C-alpha atoms as a PDB file:
ATOM      1  CA  MET A   1      82.602  61.159  59.548  1.00  0.00           C
ATOM      2  CA  LYS A   2      81.794  58.266  57.295  1.00  0.00           C
ATOM      3  CA  LYS A   3      81.103  54.841  58.689  1.00  0.00           C
ATOM      4  CA  SER A   4      83.338  53.086  57.134  1.00  0.00           C
ATOM      5  CA  TRP A   5      86.607  55.001  58.873  1.00  0.00           C
ATOM      6  CA  MET A   6      84.682  55.019  61.786  1.00  0.00           C
ATOM      7  CA  VAL A   7      84.911  51.293  62.173  1.00  0.00           C
ATOM      8  CA  THR A   8      88.479  51.272  60.592  1.00  0.00           C
ATOM      9  CA  GLY A   9      89.651  53.632  63.524  1.00  0.00           C
ATOM     10  CA  ILE A  10      88.120  51.167  66.124  1.00  0.00           C
ATOM     11  CA  ALA A  11      89.418  48.034  64.624  1.00  0.00           C
ATOM     12  CA  LEU A  12      92.982  49.485  64.418  1.00  0.00           C
ATOM     13  CA  LEU A  13      92.534  50.964  68.015  1.00  0.00           C
ATOM     14  CA  SER A  14      91.425  47.706  69.552  1.00  0.00           C
ATOM     15  CA  VAL A  15      94.093  45.588  68.041  1.00  0.00           C
ATOM     16  CA  GLY A  16      96.740  48.364  68.776  1.00  0.00           C
ATOM     17  CA  VAL A  17      95.528  48.239  72.515  1.00  0.00           C
ATOM     18  CA  ILE A  18      95.446  44.459  72.812  1.00  0.00           C
ATOM     19  CA  SER A  19      98.682  43.975  71.048  1.00  0.00           C
ATOM     20  CA  LEU A  20     100.443  46.455  73.564  1.00  0.00           C
ATOM     21  CA  LEU A  21      98.625  44.814  76.743  1.00  0.00           C
ATOM     22  CA  GLY A  22      99.978  41.566  75.011  1.00  0.00           C
ATOM     23  CA  ALA A  23     103.458  43.061  74.386  1.00  0.00           C
ATOM     24  CA  THR A  24     103.904  44.372  78.463  1.00  0.00           C
ATOM     25  CA  GLU A  25     102.714  41.057  79.400  1.00  0.00           C
ATOM     26  CA  VAL A  26      99.367  42.751  80.984  1.00  0.00           C
ATOM     27  CA  ILE A  27      97.211  40.150  79.128  1.00  0.00           C
ATOM     28  CA  PRO A  28      98.876  36.713  78.356  1.00  0.00           C
ATOM     29  CA  ILE A  29      98.515  37.004  74.648  1.00  0.00           C
ATOM     30  CA  SER A  30     101.176  36.916  71.757  1.00  0.00           C
ATOM     31  CA  MET A  31     101.086  38.536  68.492  1.00  0.00           C
ATOM     32  CA  GLY A  32     100.905  35.078  67.226  1.00  0.00           C
ATOM     33  CA  TYR A  33      97.328  34.961  67.871  1.00  0.00           C
ATOM     34  CA  ILE A  34      96.391  38.550  67.350  1.00  0.00           C
ATOM     35  CA  TRP A  35      97.932  38.668  63.681  1.00  0.00           C
ATOM     36  CA  PRO A  36      95.944  36.063  62.062  1.00  0.00           C
ATOM     37  CA  LEU A  37      92.999  38.555  63.007  1.00  0.00           C
ATOM     38  CA  SER A  38      93.968  40.802  60.116  1.00  0.00           C
ATOM     39  CA  LEU A  39      92.914  37.832  57.657  1.00  0.00           C
ATOM     40  CA  LEU A  40      89.691  36.430  59.816  1.00  0.00           C
ATOM     41  CA  LEU A  41      88.121  39.904  60.536  1.00  0.00           C
ATOM     42  CA  PRO A  42      87.940  41.368  56.294  1.00  0.00           C
ATOM     43  CA  GLY A  43      86.996  37.825  55.360  1.00  0.00           C
ATOM     44  CA  LEU A  44      84.059  37.774  58.128  1.00  0.00           C
ATOM     45  CA  TYR A  45      83.312  41.071  56.859  1.00  0.00           C
ATOM     46  CA  PHE A  46      82.940  40.184  52.989  1.00  0.00           C
ATOM     47  CA  GLU A  47      81.098  37.149  54.158  1.00  0.00           C
ATOM     48  CA  SER A  48      78.508  39.228  56.215  1.00  0.00           C
ATOM     49  CA  ALA A  49      78.310  41.857  53.530  1.00  0.00           C
ATOM     50  CA  PHE A  50      77.310  39.284  50.802  1.00  0.00           C
ATOM     51  CA  PHE A  51      74.729  37.883  53.178  1.00  0.00           C
ATOM     52  CA  PHE A  52      73.554  41.369  54.679  1.00  0.00           C
ATOM     53  CA  LYS A  53      73.767  43.838  51.915  1.00  0.00           C
ATOM     54  CA  ARG A  54      72.716  41.594  48.650  1.00  0.00           C
ATOM     55  CA  GLU A  55      71.967  44.638  46.577  1.00  0.00           C
ATOM     56  CA  ALA A  56      75.756  46.557  47.368  1.00  0.00           C
ATOM     57  CA  PHE A  57      77.740  43.461  46.703  1.00  0.00           C
ATOM     58  CA  LYS A  58      78.375  40.389  43.925  1.00  0.00           C
ATOM     59  CA  GLU A  59      78.878  37.044  44.773  1.00  0.00           C
ATOM     60  CA  GLU A  60      82.893  37.854  43.706  1.00  0.00           C
ATOM     61  CA  ILE A  61      83.194  39.219  47.028  1.00  0.00           C
ATOM     62  CA  LEU A  62      82.984  35.413  48.243  1.00  0.00           C
ATOM     63  CA  ILE A  63      86.379  34.613  46.614  1.00  0.00           C
ATOM     64  CA  PRO A  64      88.356  36.690  48.898  1.00  0.00           C
ATOM     65  CA  SER A  65      86.371  36.038  51.856  1.00  0.00           C
ATOM     66  CA  GLY A  66      86.833  32.352  51.606  1.00  0.00           C
ATOM     67  CA  LEU A  67      90.475  32.759  50.846  1.00  0.00           C
ATOM     68  CA  LEU A  68      90.841  34.995  54.060  1.00  0.00           C
ATOM     69  CA  ILE A  69      89.132  32.810  56.680  1.00  0.00           C
ATOM     70  CA  VAL A  70      90.554  29.674  55.486  1.00  0.00           C
ATOM     71  CA  TYR A  71      94.326  30.981  55.774  1.00  0.00           C
ATOM     72  CA  ALA A  72      93.256  32.642  58.908  1.00  0.00           C
ATOM     73  CA  LEU A  73      91.853  29.408  60.335  1.00  0.00           C
ATOM     74  CA  TYR A  74      94.953  27.529  58.972  1.00  0.00           C
ATOM     75  CA  PHE A  75      97.579  30.092  60.784  1.00  0.00           C
ATOM     76  CA  TYR A  76      95.432  29.941  64.121  1.00  0.00           C
ATOM     77  CA  VAL A  77      96.432  26.282  63.942  1.00  0.00           C
ATOM     78  CA  ALA A  78      99.981  26.398  62.686  1.00  0.00           C
ATOM     79  CA  GLN A  79     100.280  28.580  65.557  1.00  0.00           C
ATOM     80  CA  ALA A  80      99.086  26.274  68.023  1.00  0.00           C
ATOM     81  CA  ARG A  81     100.781  22.923  66.612  1.00  0.00           C
ATOM     82  CA  GLY A  82     104.097  24.685  65.132  1.00  0.00           C
ATOM     83  CA  PHE A  83     104.584  25.955  61.636  1.00  0.00           C
ATOM     84  CA  ALA A  84     106.231  22.757  60.584  1.00  0.00           C
ATOM     85  CA  LEU A  85     103.128  21.319  60.466  1.00  0.00           C
ATOM     86  CA  MET A  86     103.266  23.376  56.966  1.00  0.00           C
ATOM     87  CA  GLN A  87     105.540  20.736  55.173  1.00  0.00           C
ATOM     88  CA  SER A  88     102.574  18.358  54.751  1.00  0.00           C
ATOM     89  CA  THR A  89      99.473  20.729  55.086  1.00  0.00           C
ATOM     90  CA  TRP A  90     100.538  23.107  51.979  1.00  0.00           C
ATOM     91  CA  PRO A  91      97.645  22.121  49.980  1.00  0.00           C
ATOM     92  CA  ILE A  92      95.684  23.848  52.301  1.00  0.00           C
ATOM     93  CA  PHE A  93      96.131  27.204  50.581  1.00  0.00           C
ATOM     94  CA  PRO A  94      94.783  25.954  47.020  1.00  0.00           C
ATOM     95  CA  LEU A  95      91.970  24.635  49.174  1.00  0.00           C
ATOM     96  CA  GLY A  96      91.448  28.043  50.416  1.00  0.00           C
ATOM     97  CA  VAL A  97      91.314  29.488  46.957  1.00  0.00           C
ATOM     98  CA  SER A  98      89.016  26.676  45.856  1.00  0.00           C
ATOM     99  CA  LEU A  99      86.473  27.193  48.667  1.00  0.00           C
ATOM    100  CA  GLY A 100      86.348  30.779  47.819  1.00  0.00           C
ATOM    101  CA  PHE A 101      85.420  30.098  44.100  1.00  0.00           C
ATOM    102  CA  LEU A 102      82.546  27.261  45.019  1.00  0.00           C
ATOM    103  CA  GLN A 103      81.128  29.705  47.329  1.00  0.00           C
ATOM    104  CA  ALA A 104      80.987  31.929  44.656  1.00  0.00           C
ATOM    105  CA  TYR A 105      79.564  29.247  42.481  1.00  0.00           C
ATOM    106  CA  PHE A 106      77.109  27.909  44.805  1.00  0.00           C
ATOM    107  CA  LEU A 107      75.961  30.930  46.453  1.00  0.00           C
ATOM    108  CA  GLY A 108      75.780  33.449  43.544  1.00  0.00           C
ATOM    109  CA  GLU A 109      74.863  33.297  39.936  1.00  0.00           C
ATOM    110  CA  HIS A 110      76.010  29.795  39.183  1.00  0.00           C
ATOM    111  CA  LYS A 111      78.906  31.142  36.896  1.00  0.00           C
ATOM    112  CA  PHE A 112      80.863  27.848  35.090  1.00  0.00           C
ATOM    113  CA  SER A 113      84.107  29.053  35.232  1.00  0.00           C
ATOM    114  CA  TYR A 114      83.997  29.346  39.134  1.00  0.00           C
ATOM    115  CA  LEU A 115      82.602  26.213  39.006  1.00  0.00           C
ATOM    116  CA  LEU A 116      85.410  24.830  37.076  1.00  0.00           C
ATOM    117  CA  VAL A 117      88.172  26.472  38.926  1.00  0.00           C
ATOM    118  CA  GLY A 118      86.821  25.600  42.260  1.00  0.00           C
ATOM    119  CA  GLN A 119      86.846  21.725  41.266  1.00  0.00           C
ATOM    120  CA  ILE A 120      90.030  21.671  39.468  1.00  0.00           C
ATOM    121  CA  LEU A 121      91.839  23.248  42.812  1.00  0.00           C
ATOM    122  CA  LEU A 122      89.599  21.271  45.437  1.00  0.00           C
ATOM    123  CA  VAL A 123      90.623  17.834  43.671  1.00  0.00           C
ATOM    124  CA  PHE A 124      94.321  18.551  43.450  1.00  0.00           C
ATOM    125  CA  SER A 125      94.285  20.121  47.261  1.00  0.00           C
ATOM    126  CA  VAL A 126      92.681  17.291  48.752  1.00  0.00           C
ATOM    127  CA  MET A 127      94.611  14.455  46.589  1.00  0.00           C
ATOM    128  CA  ALA A 128      97.933  16.544  47.596  1.00  0.00           C
ATOM    129  CA  ILE A 129      96.553  16.676  51.147  1.00  0.00           C
ATOM    130  CA  LEU A 130      96.304  12.948  50.850  1.00  0.00           C
ATOM    131  CA  PHE A 131      99.573  12.254  49.355  1.00  0.00           C
ATOM    132  CA  THR A 132     101.839  14.452  51.540  1.00  0.00           C
ATOM    133  CA  THR A 133     100.090  12.981  54.685  1.00  0.00           C
ATOM    134  CA  LEU A 134     100.457   9.722  53.242  1.00  0.00           C
ATOM    135  CA  GLY A 135     104.010  10.068  52.056  1.00  0.00           C
ATOM    136  CA  MET A 136     103.713   9.571  48.652  1.00  0.00           C
ATOM    137  CA  ASP A 137     105.524  10.976  46.078  1.00  0.00           C
ATOM    138  CA  ILE A 138     103.893  13.502  44.114  1.00  0.00           C
ATOM    139  CA  GLU A 139     106.823  14.127  41.644  1.00  0.00           C
ATOM    140  CA  GLY A 140     106.788  11.071  40.431  1.00  0.00           C
ATOM    141  CA  VAL A 141     103.914   9.205  38.566  1.00  0.00           C
ATOM    142  CA  VAL A 142     101.011  10.856  40.768  1.00  0.00           C
ATOM    143  CA  PHE A 143     101.378  14.344  39.507  1.00  0.00           C
ATOM    144  CA  PRO A 144     100.612  13.369  36.186  1.00  0.00           C
ATOM    145  CA  ILE A 145      98.103  11.319  37.031  1.00  0.00           C
ATOM    146  CA  VAL A 146      96.427  14.070  38.833  1.00  0.00           C
ATOM    147  CA  LEU A 147      96.815  16.195  35.510  1.00  0.00           C
ATOM    148  CA  ILE A 148      95.081  13.787  33.545  1.00  0.00           C
ATOM    149  CA  PHE A 149      92.143  13.503  35.915  1.00  0.00           C
ATOM    150  CA  LEU A 150      91.708  17.182  36.498  1.00  0.00           C
ATOM    151  CA  GLY A 151      91.988  17.309  32.227  1.00  0.00           C
ATOM    152  CA  VAL A 152      89.119  14.333  32.237  1.00  0.00           C
ATOM    153  CA  LEU A 153      87.349  16.303  34.647  1.00  0.00           C
ATOM    154  CA  ALA A 154      87.803  19.505  32.703  1.00  0.00           C
ATOM    155  CA  ILE A 155      86.197  18.324  29.413  1.00  0.00           C
ATOM    156  CA  VAL A 156      83.349  16.079  31.108  1.00  0.00           C
ATOM    157  CA  GLN A 157      82.310  19.749  32.824  1.00  0.00           C
ATOM    158  CA  ALA A 158      82.358  21.012  29.481  1.00  0.00           C
ATOM    159  CA  TRP A 159      80.454  18.620  27.920  1.00  0.00           C
ATOM    160  CA  LEU A 160      77.953  18.461  30.243  1.00  0.00           C
ATOM    161  CA  LYS A 161      77.728  22.004  29.901  1.00  0.00           C
ATOM    162  CA  ASN A 162      76.772  21.927  26.419  1.00  0.00           C
ATOM    163  CA  LYS A 163      74.568  19.210  26.812  1.00  0.00           C
ATOM    164  CA  VAL A 164      72.198  21.327  28.850  1.00  0.00           C
END
């Protein structure tokens, strides 16, 4: 029997048993706290596979890893605080993509495209989080300013890359 099928079977069995115990109120846990594990566990697996099986996995595996871990943690917070939180914290979604690309850049072969995508999404996410939490209007003047800033950032990055 392949080891991966064994691990998959054990994981499914464990989640099923815990879910059943929660549904029958044998243990006080709800599916709202269990389902993000479907994101968190693969993310942690990809992360550990990159570090412990470097010869088998390239840095590209860190992109979905970063996504899955950030989203799982975000959904745990949303479950605890209420999903209305998403009205102002939706920029976490592009932030997850950004962290995946930046992780792949810094821990991998330093591919410029990973750095560029990661930086653009990081700046966009941080600015969007600031604007939404401070109640600023993104659709008016701010969004074009963000685009101009990102364009300048891309041009500077390209210029620096050609200079080195």
